Amino acid sequence: KKQKKELASMLKLLKEGKAKDLKAFPLKDDSGKEAVEKAKLAIEKAKAQTQKATTAEAKIAATQAMEAAKEKQRLGRAANNNAMHLYARVPEAEQVKKRIQQWADKISKLELDIKNKDDNKEVALGTSKINYCDPRISVAWCKRCEVPVEKVFPKTLRDKFVWAMPVPPDWEFEALAIGKKKK
């Protein structure tokens, strides 16, 4: 959301005609990419150092070098992500509007993904279908509503419930009366 706000302020600068002032208009630089490349080289060097290490001190030094290189790589990637919404040159207002819309779409998609993940966190959809529902009910419903059984049951369950597949579309579940005395 911070990037979207920054893009909106860029659009405002463009509309006011202040885009020529490069200090007021942030542009993308390649420092993040350079940092990632340097970190990759450092990781390769640390791997080589780890392979050559024979003493305990050398192994510790190699491990520390690897951790430092990975931290550099993480920081470089973070810099890339922070500059992802910026432009290499001063853009036109239409380009900024388009980028703002892209970021708004991206934000709404991520928010929806988070909401769906939270909503479905405690739901095991397959478990109840396997353990608690008579498969004949689902098969009869599929036949009645002309829904392919493949949409409801994956192949493994179709193989497991072969005995339930021949039920007619008008089949209804009749539970046994437990605890009732016969007269």
N, C-alpha and C. Protein backbone atom coordinates (compact mmCIF):
# COMPACT_ATOMS: atom_id res chain seq x y z
N LYS A 1 0.83 -1.19 0.00
CA LYS A 1 0.00 0.00 0.00
C LYS A 1 0.87 1.25 0.00
N LYS A 2 2.06 1.12 0.60
CA LYS A 2 2.98 2.25 0.62
C LYS A 2 3.39 2.63 -0.80
N GLN A 3 3.63 1.60 -1.63
CA GLN A 3 4.02 1.86 -3.01
C GLN A 3 2.91 2.56 -3.78
N LYS A 4 1.67 2.16 -3.51
CA LYS A 4 0.52 2.78 -4.19
C LYS A 4 0.43 4.26 -3.82
N LYS A 5 0.67 4.58 -2.54
CA LYS A 5 0.65 5.98 -2.11
C LYS A 5 1.77 6.76 -2.78
N GLU A 6 2.93 6.11 -2.90
CA GLU A 6 4.06 6.78 -3.53
C GLU A 6 3.77 7.05 -5.01
N LEU A 7 3.13 6.09 -5.67
CA LEU A 7 2.74 6.29 -7.07
C LEU A 7 1.73 7.42 -7.21
N ALA A 8 0.79 7.51 -6.25
CA ALA A 8 -0.19 8.58 -6.29
C ALA A 8 0.49 9.94 -6.13
N SER A 9 1.50 10.02 -5.27
CA SER A 9 2.22 11.29 -5.12
C SER A 9 3.01 11.61 -6.39
N MET A 10 3.51 10.57 -7.09
CA MET A 10 4.19 10.81 -8.38
C MET A 10 3.22 11.38 -9.40
N LEU A 11 2.02 10.83 -9.43
CA LEU A 11 1.01 11.31 -10.37
C LEU A 11 0.68 12.78 -10.08
N LYS A 12 0.60 13.11 -8.81
CA LYS A 12 0.33 14.50 -8.42
C LYS A 12 1.47 15.41 -8.90
N LEU A 13 2.72 14.96 -8.75
CA LEU A 13 3.86 15.74 -9.23
C LEU A 13 3.80 15.93 -10.74
N LEU A 14 3.42 14.87 -11.45
CA LEU A 14 3.33 14.97 -12.91
C LEU A 14 2.25 15.96 -13.32
N LYS A 15 1.12 15.92 -12.63
CA LYS A 15 0.03 16.83 -12.98
C LYS A 15 0.39 18.28 -12.68
N GLU A 16 1.20 18.48 -11.63
CA GLU A 16 1.61 19.83 -11.27
C GLU A 16 2.78 20.32 -12.14
N GLY A 17 3.36 19.41 -12.90
CA GLY A 17 4.48 19.78 -13.77
C GLY A 17 5.81 19.82 -13.06
N LYS A 18 5.91 19.22 -11.89
CA LYS A 18 7.16 19.24 -11.12
C LYS A 18 8.01 18.00 -11.37
N ALA A 19 7.65 17.21 -12.36
CA ALA A 19 8.38 15.96 -12.63
C ALA A 19 9.78 16.23 -13.15
N LYS A 20 10.02 17.42 -13.65
CA LYS A 20 11.36 17.75 -14.17
C LYS A 20 12.38 17.84 -13.04
N ASP A 21 11.89 18.15 -11.84
CA ASP A 21 12.76 18.21 -10.67
C ASP A 21 13.03 16.78 -10.22
N LEU A 22 14.17 16.22 -10.60
CA LEU A 22 14.46 14.81 -10.35
C LEU A 22 14.60 14.48 -8.87
N LYS A 23 14.92 15.49 -8.05
CA LYS A 23 15.04 15.22 -6.62
C LYS A 23 13.67 14.96 -6.01
N ALA A 24 12.64 15.57 -6.57
CA ALA A 24 11.29 15.38 -6.06
C ALA A 24 10.65 14.12 -6.62
N PHE A 25 11.22 13.60 -7.69
CA PHE A 25 10.64 12.44 -8.37
C PHE A 25 11.57 11.24 -8.22
N PRO A 26 11.21 10.26 -7.39
CA PRO A 26 12.10 9.11 -7.16
C PRO A 26 12.16 8.20 -8.38
N LEU A 27 13.37 7.80 -8.75
CA LEU A 27 13.56 6.89 -9.89
C LEU A 27 14.25 5.61 -9.42
N LYS A 28 14.08 4.57 -10.22
CA LYS A 28 14.66 3.27 -9.90
C LYS A 28 16.15 3.30 -10.18
N ASP A 29 16.91 2.70 -9.28
CA ASP A 29 18.33 2.51 -9.54
C ASP A 29 18.63 1.01 -9.50
N ASP A 30 19.81 0.64 -9.92
CA ASP A 30 20.17 -0.77 -10.00
C ASP A 30 20.95 -1.25 -8.78
N SER A 31 20.91 -0.51 -7.69
CA SER A 31 21.70 -0.89 -6.52
C SER A 31 21.23 -2.23 -5.94
N GLY A 32 19.94 -2.50 -5.98
CA GLY A 32 19.43 -3.77 -5.46
C GLY A 32 19.91 -4.94 -6.29
N LYS A 33 19.88 -4.79 -7.61
CA LYS A 33 20.35 -5.86 -8.50
C LYS A 33 21.84 -6.10 -8.30
N GLU A 34 22.59 -5.01 -8.18
CA GLU A 34 24.03 -5.15 -7.97
C GLU A 34 24.31 -5.85 -6.65
N ALA A 35 23.55 -5.53 -5.61
CA ALA A 35 23.74 -6.16 -4.31
C ALA A 35 23.43 -7.65 -4.38
N VAL A 36 22.39 -8.02 -5.11
CA VAL A 36 22.04 -9.44 -5.26
C VAL A 36 23.14 -10.18 -6.01
N GLU A 37 23.67 -9.57 -7.06
CA GLU A 37 24.74 -10.20 -7.83
C GLU A 37 26.00 -10.39 -6.97
N LYS A 38 26.35 -9.34 -6.20
CA LYS A 38 27.51 -9.45 -5.32
C LYS A 38 27.28 -10.54 -4.27
N ALA A 39 26.05 -10.63 -3.77
CA ALA A 39 25.74 -11.65 -2.77
C ALA A 39 25.84 -13.05 -3.37
N LYS A 40 25.41 -13.21 -4.62
CA LYS A 40 25.53 -14.53 -5.28
C LYS A 40 26.99 -14.94 -5.39
N LEU A 41 27.84 -13.98 -5.76
CA LEU A 41 29.27 -14.28 -5.84
C LEU A 41 29.83 -14.64 -4.47
N ALA A 42 29.38 -13.91 -3.44
CA ALA A 42 29.85 -14.19 -2.08
C ALA A 42 29.37 -15.57 -1.62
N ILE A 43 28.16 -15.96 -2.00
CA ILE A 43 27.65 -17.28 -1.64
C ILE A 43 28.47 -18.37 -2.31
N GLU A 44 28.78 -18.18 -3.59
CA GLU A 44 29.62 -19.16 -4.31
C GLU A 44 31.00 -19.28 -3.66
N LYS A 45 31.55 -18.12 -3.28
CA LYS A 45 32.86 -18.11 -2.63
C LYS A 45 32.79 -18.83 -1.28
N ALA A 46 31.69 -18.61 -0.54
CA ALA A 46 31.52 -19.26 0.76
C ALA A 46 31.33 -20.77 0.60
N LYS A 47 30.63 -21.19 -0.46
CA LYS A 47 30.48 -22.63 -0.71
C LYS A 47 31.83 -23.27 -0.99
N ALA A 48 32.63 -22.59 -1.80
CA ALA A 48 33.97 -23.11 -2.09
C ALA A 48 34.81 -23.16 -0.82
N GLN A 49 34.68 -22.14 0.00
CA GLN A 49 35.41 -22.09 1.26
C GLN A 49 34.97 -23.23 2.18
N THR A 50 33.68 -23.55 2.18
CA THR A 50 33.15 -24.64 3.00
C THR A 50 33.72 -25.98 2.53
N GLN A 51 33.81 -26.16 1.23
CA GLN A 51 34.34 -27.42 0.70
C GLN A 51 35.83 -27.58 0.99
N LYS A 52 36.55 -26.48 1.00
CA LYS A 52 38.00 -26.55 1.25
C LYS A 52 38.33 -26.63 2.74
N ALA A 53 37.38 -26.27 3.59
CA ALA A 53 37.64 -26.21 5.03
C ALA A 53 37.93 -27.60 5.59
N THR A 54 39.01 -27.68 6.36
CA THR A 54 39.37 -28.96 6.98
C THR A 54 39.35 -28.86 8.50
N THR A 55 39.74 -27.72 9.02
CA THR A 55 39.75 -27.56 10.48
C THR A 55 38.42 -26.99 10.95
N ALA A 56 38.18 -27.11 12.23
CA ALA A 56 36.93 -26.61 12.82
C ALA A 56 36.83 -25.09 12.66
N GLU A 57 37.96 -24.39 12.84
CA GLU A 57 37.96 -22.93 12.71
C GLU A 57 37.62 -22.51 11.28
N ALA A 58 38.16 -23.23 10.32
CA ALA A 58 37.89 -22.90 8.91
C ALA A 58 36.42 -23.16 8.58
N LYS A 59 35.86 -24.23 9.14
CA LYS A 59 34.44 -24.54 8.89
C LYS A 59 33.54 -23.47 9.51
N ILE A 60 33.90 -23.01 10.70
CA ILE A 60 33.13 -21.95 11.37
C ILE A 60 33.20 -20.67 10.55
N ALA A 61 34.40 -20.33 10.09
CA ALA A 61 34.57 -19.12 9.28
C ALA A 61 33.78 -19.22 7.98
N ALA A 62 33.77 -20.40 7.36
CA ALA A 62 33.01 -20.60 6.12
C ALA A 62 31.51 -20.46 6.37
N THR A 63 31.04 -21.00 7.48
CA THR A 63 29.62 -20.89 7.83
C THR A 63 29.24 -19.44 8.07
N GLN A 64 30.09 -18.70 8.77
CA GLN A 64 29.82 -17.28 9.02
C GLN A 64 29.82 -16.49 7.71
N ALA A 65 30.74 -16.83 6.81
CA ALA A 65 30.78 -16.15 5.51
C ALA A 65 29.50 -16.44 4.72
N MET A 66 29.01 -17.68 4.80
CA MET A 66 27.78 -18.05 4.10
C MET A 66 26.59 -17.27 4.67
N GLU A 67 26.51 -17.18 6.00
CA GLU A 67 25.42 -16.43 6.62
C GLU A 67 25.46 -14.95 6.23
N ALA A 68 26.65 -14.38 6.21
CA ALA A 68 26.79 -12.97 5.83
C ALA A 68 26.38 -12.76 4.37
N ALA A 69 26.76 -13.69 3.50
CA ALA A 69 26.40 -13.58 2.08
C ALA A 69 24.89 -13.71 1.89
N LYS A 70 24.27 -14.61 2.63
CA LYS A 70 22.81 -14.78 2.52
C LYS A 70 22.09 -13.54 3.03
N GLU A 71 22.63 -12.91 4.07
CA GLU A 71 22.03 -11.67 4.58
C GLU A 71 22.15 -10.55 3.55
N LYS A 72 23.30 -10.47 2.88
CA LYS A 72 23.47 -9.48 1.81
C LYS A 72 22.46 -9.72 0.69
N GLN A 73 22.26 -10.99 0.35
CA GLN A 73 21.32 -11.33 -0.71
C GLN A 73 19.90 -10.94 -0.30
N ARG A 74 19.55 -11.20 0.95
CA ARG A 74 18.21 -10.85 1.44
C ARG A 74 18.00 -9.34 1.39
N LEU A 75 19.01 -8.58 1.79
CA LEU A 75 18.90 -7.12 1.76
C LEU A 75 18.80 -6.60 0.33
N GLY A 76 19.55 -7.21 -0.59
CA GLY A 76 19.48 -6.81 -2.00
C GLY A 76 18.10 -7.08 -2.58
N ARG A 77 17.53 -8.23 -2.25
CA ARG A 77 16.19 -8.55 -2.74
C ARG A 77 15.15 -7.60 -2.15
N ALA A 78 15.33 -7.25 -0.88
CA ALA A 78 14.41 -6.30 -0.25
C ALA A 78 14.49 -4.95 -0.95
N ALA A 79 15.70 -4.52 -1.31
CA ALA A 79 15.86 -3.25 -2.03
C ALA A 79 15.18 -3.33 -3.39
N ASN A 80 15.31 -4.48 -4.07
CA ASN A 80 14.62 -4.66 -5.36
C ASN A 80 13.11 -4.56 -5.18
N ASN A 81 12.59 -5.21 -4.15
CA ASN A 81 11.15 -5.18 -3.92
C ASN A 81 10.65 -3.79 -3.58
N ASN A 82 11.46 -3.03 -2.84
CA ASN A 82 11.06 -1.68 -2.47
C ASN A 82 11.07 -0.73 -3.67
N ALA A 83 11.87 -1.04 -4.69
CA ALA A 83 11.96 -0.18 -5.86
C ALA A 83 11.16 -0.71 -7.04
N MET A 84 10.40 -1.77 -6.84
CA MET A 84 9.68 -2.42 -7.93
C MET A 84 8.68 -1.49 -8.61
N HIS A 85 8.09 -0.61 -7.86
CA HIS A 85 7.05 0.26 -8.41
C HIS A 85 7.62 1.53 -9.06
N LEU A 86 8.92 1.74 -8.96
CA LEU A 86 9.53 2.95 -9.50
C LEU A 86 9.86 2.79 -10.98
N TYR A 87 10.15 3.91 -11.62
CA TYR A 87 10.47 3.93 -13.05
C TYR A 87 11.94 4.26 -13.25
N ALA A 88 12.50 3.82 -14.37
CA ALA A 88 13.89 4.13 -14.69
C ALA A 88 14.01 5.57 -15.19
N ARG A 89 12.99 6.04 -15.94
CA ARG A 89 12.95 7.42 -16.44
C ARG A 89 11.66 8.06 -15.94
N VAL A 90 11.58 9.36 -16.07
CA VAL A 90 10.37 10.06 -15.66
C VAL A 90 9.22 9.63 -16.57
N PRO A 91 8.17 9.05 -16.00
CA PRO A 91 7.06 8.54 -16.81
C PRO A 91 6.04 9.62 -17.13
N GLU A 92 5.10 9.25 -17.98
CA GLU A 92 3.98 10.14 -18.27
C GLU A 92 2.86 9.82 -17.28
N ALA A 93 1.92 10.74 -17.17
CA ALA A 93 0.83 10.58 -16.21
C ALA A 93 0.02 9.31 -16.49
N GLU A 94 -0.19 8.99 -17.75
CA GLU A 94 -0.97 7.81 -18.11
C GLU A 94 -0.28 6.53 -17.65
N GLN A 95 1.04 6.49 -17.76
CA GLN A 95 1.80 5.32 -17.31
C GLN A 95 1.66 5.14 -15.80
N VAL A 96 1.70 6.24 -15.08
CA VAL A 96 1.58 6.17 -13.62
C VAL A 96 0.17 5.72 -13.23
N LYS A 97 -0.85 6.22 -13.93
CA LYS A 97 -2.22 5.78 -13.65
C LYS A 97 -2.36 4.28 -13.85
N LYS A 98 -1.75 3.79 -14.93
CA LYS A 98 -1.81 2.36 -15.22
C LYS A 98 -1.12 1.55 -14.12
N ARG A 99 0.04 2.04 -13.68
CA ARG A 99 0.79 1.34 -12.64
C ARG A 99 0.03 1.37 -11.31
N ILE A 100 -0.64 2.48 -11.01
CA ILE A 100 -1.46 2.57 -9.79
C ILE A 100 -2.56 1.53 -9.83
N GLN A 101 -3.21 1.38 -10.99
CA GLN A 101 -4.28 0.39 -11.13
C GLN A 101 -3.73 -1.03 -10.95
N GLN A 102 -2.54 -1.28 -11.50
CA GLN A 102 -1.93 -2.60 -11.35
C GLN A 102 -1.65 -2.90 -9.88
N TRP A 103 -1.15 -1.91 -9.16
CA TRP A 103 -0.87 -2.11 -7.74
C TRP A 103 -2.16 -2.29 -6.95
N ALA A 104 -3.20 -1.56 -7.30
CA ALA A 104 -4.48 -1.72 -6.61
C ALA A 104 -5.02 -3.13 -6.83
N ASP A 105 -4.91 -3.64 -8.06
CA ASP A 105 -5.35 -5.00 -8.35
C ASP A 105 -4.53 -6.02 -7.56
N LYS A 106 -3.22 -5.77 -7.51
CA LYS A 106 -2.33 -6.69 -6.79
C LYS A 106 -2.67 -6.70 -5.30
N ILE A 107 -2.94 -5.52 -4.74
CA ILE A 107 -3.29 -5.42 -3.32
C ILE A 107 -4.60 -6.14 -3.04
N SER A 108 -5.61 -5.91 -3.87
CA SER A 108 -6.90 -6.55 -3.62
C SER A 108 -6.79 -8.07 -3.75
N LYS A 109 -5.99 -8.55 -4.69
CA LYS A 109 -5.80 -10.00 -4.85
C LYS A 109 -5.12 -10.58 -3.62
N LEU A 110 -4.08 -9.92 -3.12
CA LEU A 110 -3.38 -10.41 -1.94
C LEU A 110 -4.28 -10.40 -0.71
N GLU A 111 -5.09 -9.34 -0.57
CA GLU A 111 -6.02 -9.28 0.56
C GLU A 111 -7.04 -10.41 0.48
N LEU A 112 -7.53 -10.69 -0.72
CA LEU A 112 -8.47 -11.79 -0.90
C LEU A 112 -7.82 -13.13 -0.60
N ASP A 113 -6.57 -13.31 -1.03
CA ASP A 113 -5.85 -14.55 -0.74
C ASP A 113 -5.68 -14.74 0.77
N ILE A 114 -5.34 -13.67 1.47
CA ILE A 114 -5.17 -13.74 2.92
C ILE A 114 -6.49 -14.09 3.58
N LYS A 115 -7.57 -13.45 3.15
CA LYS A 115 -8.89 -13.72 3.72
C LYS A 115 -9.30 -15.17 3.48
N ASN A 116 -9.10 -15.65 2.25
CA ASN A 116 -9.44 -17.04 1.94
C ASN A 116 -8.61 -18.02 2.75
N LYS A 117 -7.34 -17.71 2.93
CA LYS A 117 -6.48 -18.59 3.70
C LYS A 117 -6.95 -18.66 5.15
N ASP A 118 -7.31 -17.50 5.72
CA ASP A 118 -7.81 -17.49 7.09
C ASP A 118 -9.15 -18.21 7.21
N ASP A 119 -10.03 -18.00 6.24
CA ASP A 119 -11.35 -18.63 6.29
C ASP A 119 -11.26 -20.15 6.17
N ASN A 120 -10.34 -20.63 5.36
CA ASN A 120 -10.25 -22.06 5.11
C ASN A 120 -9.22 -22.77 5.97
N LYS A 121 -8.67 -22.06 6.94
CA LYS A 121 -7.60 -22.61 7.75
C LYS A 121 -8.03 -23.86 8.51
N GLU A 122 -9.23 -23.85 9.06
CA GLU A 122 -9.67 -24.95 9.91
C GLU A 122 -10.65 -25.87 9.22
N VAL A 123 -10.73 -25.79 7.91
CA VAL A 123 -11.68 -26.61 7.18
C VAL A 123 -10.91 -27.69 6.42
N ALA A 124 -11.19 -28.94 6.74
CA ALA A 124 -10.62 -30.05 5.99
C ALA A 124 -11.75 -30.59 5.12
N LEU A 125 -11.81 -30.11 3.90
CA LEU A 125 -12.96 -30.40 3.05
C LEU A 125 -13.06 -31.87 2.69
N GLY A 126 -11.95 -32.52 2.43
CA GLY A 126 -11.99 -33.92 2.02
C GLY A 126 -12.32 -34.87 3.14
N THR A 127 -11.96 -34.52 4.37
CA THR A 127 -12.14 -35.44 5.49
C THR A 127 -13.60 -35.78 5.73
N SER A 128 -14.47 -34.79 5.76
CA SER A 128 -15.87 -35.09 6.04
C SER A 128 -16.49 -35.89 4.91
N LYS A 129 -16.07 -35.62 3.68
CA LYS A 129 -16.62 -36.34 2.54
C LYS A 129 -16.23 -37.82 2.62
N ILE A 130 -15.03 -38.10 3.09
CA ILE A 130 -14.55 -39.47 3.17
C ILE A 130 -15.11 -40.18 4.40
N ASN A 131 -15.03 -39.53 5.55
CA ASN A 131 -15.31 -40.22 6.81
C ASN A 131 -16.75 -40.13 7.30
N TYR A 132 -17.46 -39.08 6.97
CA TYR A 132 -18.75 -38.87 7.60
C TYR A 132 -19.94 -38.94 6.66
N CYS A 133 -19.74 -38.76 5.38
CA CYS A 133 -20.86 -38.78 4.43
C CYS A 133 -20.88 -40.11 3.68
N ASP A 134 -22.04 -40.70 3.58
CA ASP A 134 -22.20 -41.92 2.80
C ASP A 134 -21.97 -41.55 1.34
N PRO A 135 -21.03 -42.20 0.66
CA PRO A 135 -20.74 -41.83 -0.73
C PRO A 135 -21.92 -42.06 -1.67
N ARG A 136 -22.85 -42.94 -1.29
CA ARG A 136 -24.01 -43.19 -2.14
C ARG A 136 -24.88 -41.94 -2.24
N ILE A 137 -24.90 -41.13 -1.18
CA ILE A 137 -25.68 -39.88 -1.20
C ILE A 137 -25.10 -38.94 -2.26
N SER A 138 -23.78 -38.79 -2.23
CA SER A 138 -23.12 -37.90 -3.19
C SER A 138 -23.26 -38.41 -4.62
N VAL A 139 -23.13 -39.72 -4.82
CA VAL A 139 -23.24 -40.30 -6.16
C VAL A 139 -24.66 -40.11 -6.69
N ALA A 140 -25.67 -40.37 -5.85
CA ALA A 140 -27.06 -40.20 -6.27
C ALA A 140 -27.34 -38.73 -6.62
N TRP A 141 -26.82 -37.82 -5.83
CA TRP A 141 -27.00 -36.39 -6.11
C TRP A 141 -26.35 -36.03 -7.45
N CYS A 142 -25.13 -36.54 -7.67
CA CYS A 142 -24.43 -36.26 -8.94
C CYS A 142 -25.26 -36.74 -10.13
N LYS A 143 -25.83 -37.92 -10.01
CA LYS A 143 -26.63 -38.46 -11.11
C LYS A 143 -27.92 -37.66 -11.29
N ARG A 144 -28.54 -37.26 -10.17
CA ARG A 144 -29.78 -36.50 -10.22
C ARG A 144 -29.56 -35.13 -10.86
N CYS A 145 -28.47 -34.49 -10.53
CA CYS A 145 -28.19 -33.13 -11.01
C CYS A 145 -27.30 -33.12 -12.25
N GLU A 146 -26.98 -34.28 -12.77
CA GLU A 146 -26.15 -34.43 -13.96
C GLU A 146 -24.78 -33.76 -13.80
N VAL A 147 -24.21 -33.97 -12.64
CA VAL A 147 -22.86 -33.50 -12.35
C VAL A 147 -21.92 -34.70 -12.46
N PRO A 148 -20.84 -34.59 -13.20
CA PRO A 148 -19.92 -35.73 -13.29
C PRO A 148 -19.36 -36.10 -11.91
N VAL A 149 -19.34 -37.37 -11.62
CA VAL A 149 -18.84 -37.85 -10.33
C VAL A 149 -17.37 -37.45 -10.17
N GLU A 150 -16.65 -37.29 -11.28
CA GLU A 150 -15.24 -36.91 -11.24
C GLU A 150 -15.05 -35.53 -10.62
N LYS A 151 -16.08 -34.69 -10.68
CA LYS A 151 -15.99 -33.35 -10.09
C LYS A 151 -16.08 -33.41 -8.56
N VAL A 152 -16.73 -34.44 -8.05
CA VAL A 152 -16.95 -34.54 -6.60
C VAL A 152 -15.91 -35.44 -5.94
N PHE A 153 -15.58 -36.56 -6.59
CA PHE A 153 -14.64 -37.51 -6.02
C PHE A 153 -13.39 -37.61 -6.88
N PRO A 154 -12.21 -37.46 -6.28
CA PRO A 154 -10.99 -37.71 -7.04
C PRO A 154 -10.86 -39.20 -7.37
N LYS A 155 -9.93 -39.54 -8.22
CA LYS A 155 -9.78 -40.92 -8.69
C LYS A 155 -9.58 -41.89 -7.54
N THR A 156 -8.79 -41.52 -6.55
CA THR A 156 -8.53 -42.44 -5.43
C THR A 156 -9.81 -42.77 -4.68
N LEU A 157 -10.68 -41.77 -4.48
CA LEU A 157 -11.94 -42.03 -3.78
C LEU A 157 -12.91 -42.80 -4.67
N ARG A 158 -12.89 -42.54 -5.97
CA ARG A 158 -13.76 -43.33 -6.87
C ARG A 158 -13.35 -44.79 -6.83
N ASP A 159 -12.04 -45.04 -6.75
CA ASP A 159 -11.56 -46.42 -6.65
C ASP A 159 -11.95 -47.03 -5.30
N LYS A 160 -11.93 -46.23 -4.26
CA LYS A 160 -12.27 -46.71 -2.91
C LYS A 160 -13.77 -46.97 -2.78
N PHE A 161 -14.59 -46.15 -3.43
CA PHE A 161 -16.04 -46.25 -3.30
C PHE A 161 -16.70 -46.84 -4.55
N VAL A 162 -16.08 -47.83 -5.16
CA VAL A 162 -16.66 -48.47 -6.35
C VAL A 162 -18.04 -49.02 -6.02
N TRP A 163 -18.22 -49.51 -4.81
CA TRP A 163 -19.49 -50.10 -4.39
C TRP A 163 -20.62 -49.09 -4.37
N ALA A 164 -20.31 -47.79 -4.31
CA ALA A 164 -21.35 -46.77 -4.23
C ALA A 164 -21.77 -46.25 -5.60
N MET A 165 -20.99 -46.54 -6.63
CA MET A 165 -21.24 -45.96 -7.95
C MET A 165 -22.53 -46.44 -8.63
N PRO A 166 -22.98 -47.68 -8.44
CA PRO A 166 -24.17 -48.11 -9.18
C PRO A 166 -25.51 -47.64 -8.61
N VAL A 167 -25.54 -46.79 -7.60
CA VAL A 167 -26.84 -46.37 -7.03
C VAL A 167 -27.63 -45.57 -8.05
N PRO A 168 -28.96 -45.72 -8.05
CA PRO A 168 -29.79 -44.96 -8.99
C PRO A 168 -29.91 -43.50 -8.56
N PRO A 169 -30.30 -42.61 -9.47
CA PRO A 169 -30.41 -41.18 -9.14
C PRO A 169 -31.47 -40.88 -8.08
N ASP A 170 -32.47 -41.73 -7.94
CA ASP A 170 -33.54 -41.47 -6.97
C ASP A 170 -33.28 -42.16 -5.63
N TRP A 171 -32.07 -42.65 -5.42
CA TRP A 171 -31.73 -43.34 -4.17
C TRP A 171 -31.77 -42.35 -3.01
N GLU A 172 -32.33 -42.76 -1.88
CA GLU A 172 -32.38 -41.93 -0.67
C GLU A 172 -31.83 -42.72 0.50
N PHE A 173 -31.17 -42.02 1.38
CA PHE A 173 -30.57 -42.66 2.55
C PHE A 173 -31.65 -42.93 3.58
N GLU A 174 -31.68 -44.15 4.08
CA GLU A 174 -32.62 -44.51 5.15
C GLU A 174 -31.81 -45.04 6.32
N ALA A 175 -31.75 -44.26 7.36
CA ALA A 175 -30.97 -44.64 8.54
C ALA A 175 -31.70 -45.71 9.32
N LEU A 176 -30.94 -46.61 9.90
CA LEU A 176 -31.54 -47.64 10.74
C LEU A 176 -31.96 -47.00 12.06
N ALA A 177 -33.10 -47.38 12.54
CA ALA A 177 -33.57 -46.86 13.81
C ALA A 177 -32.86 -47.62 14.92
N ILE A 178 -31.95 -46.96 15.59
CA ILE A 178 -31.19 -47.59 16.65
C ILE A 178 -31.87 -47.28 17.98
N GLY A 179 -32.03 -48.29 18.79
CA GLY A 179 -32.61 -48.09 20.11
C GLY A 179 -34.11 -48.22 20.15
N LYS A 180 -34.77 -48.37 19.03
CA LYS A 180 -36.22 -48.55 19.03
C LYS A 180 -36.53 -50.03 19.15
N LYS A 181 -37.52 -50.33 19.95
CA LYS A 181 -37.91 -51.72 20.15
C LYS A 181 -38.85 -52.15 19.04
N LYS A 182 -38.64 -53.40 18.59
CA LYS A 182 -39.52 -53.95 17.57
C LYS A 182 -40.77 -54.45 18.24
N LYS A 183 -41.91 -54.25 17.63
CA LYS A 183 -43.17 -54.68 18.21
C LYS A 183 -43.66 -55.91 17.55
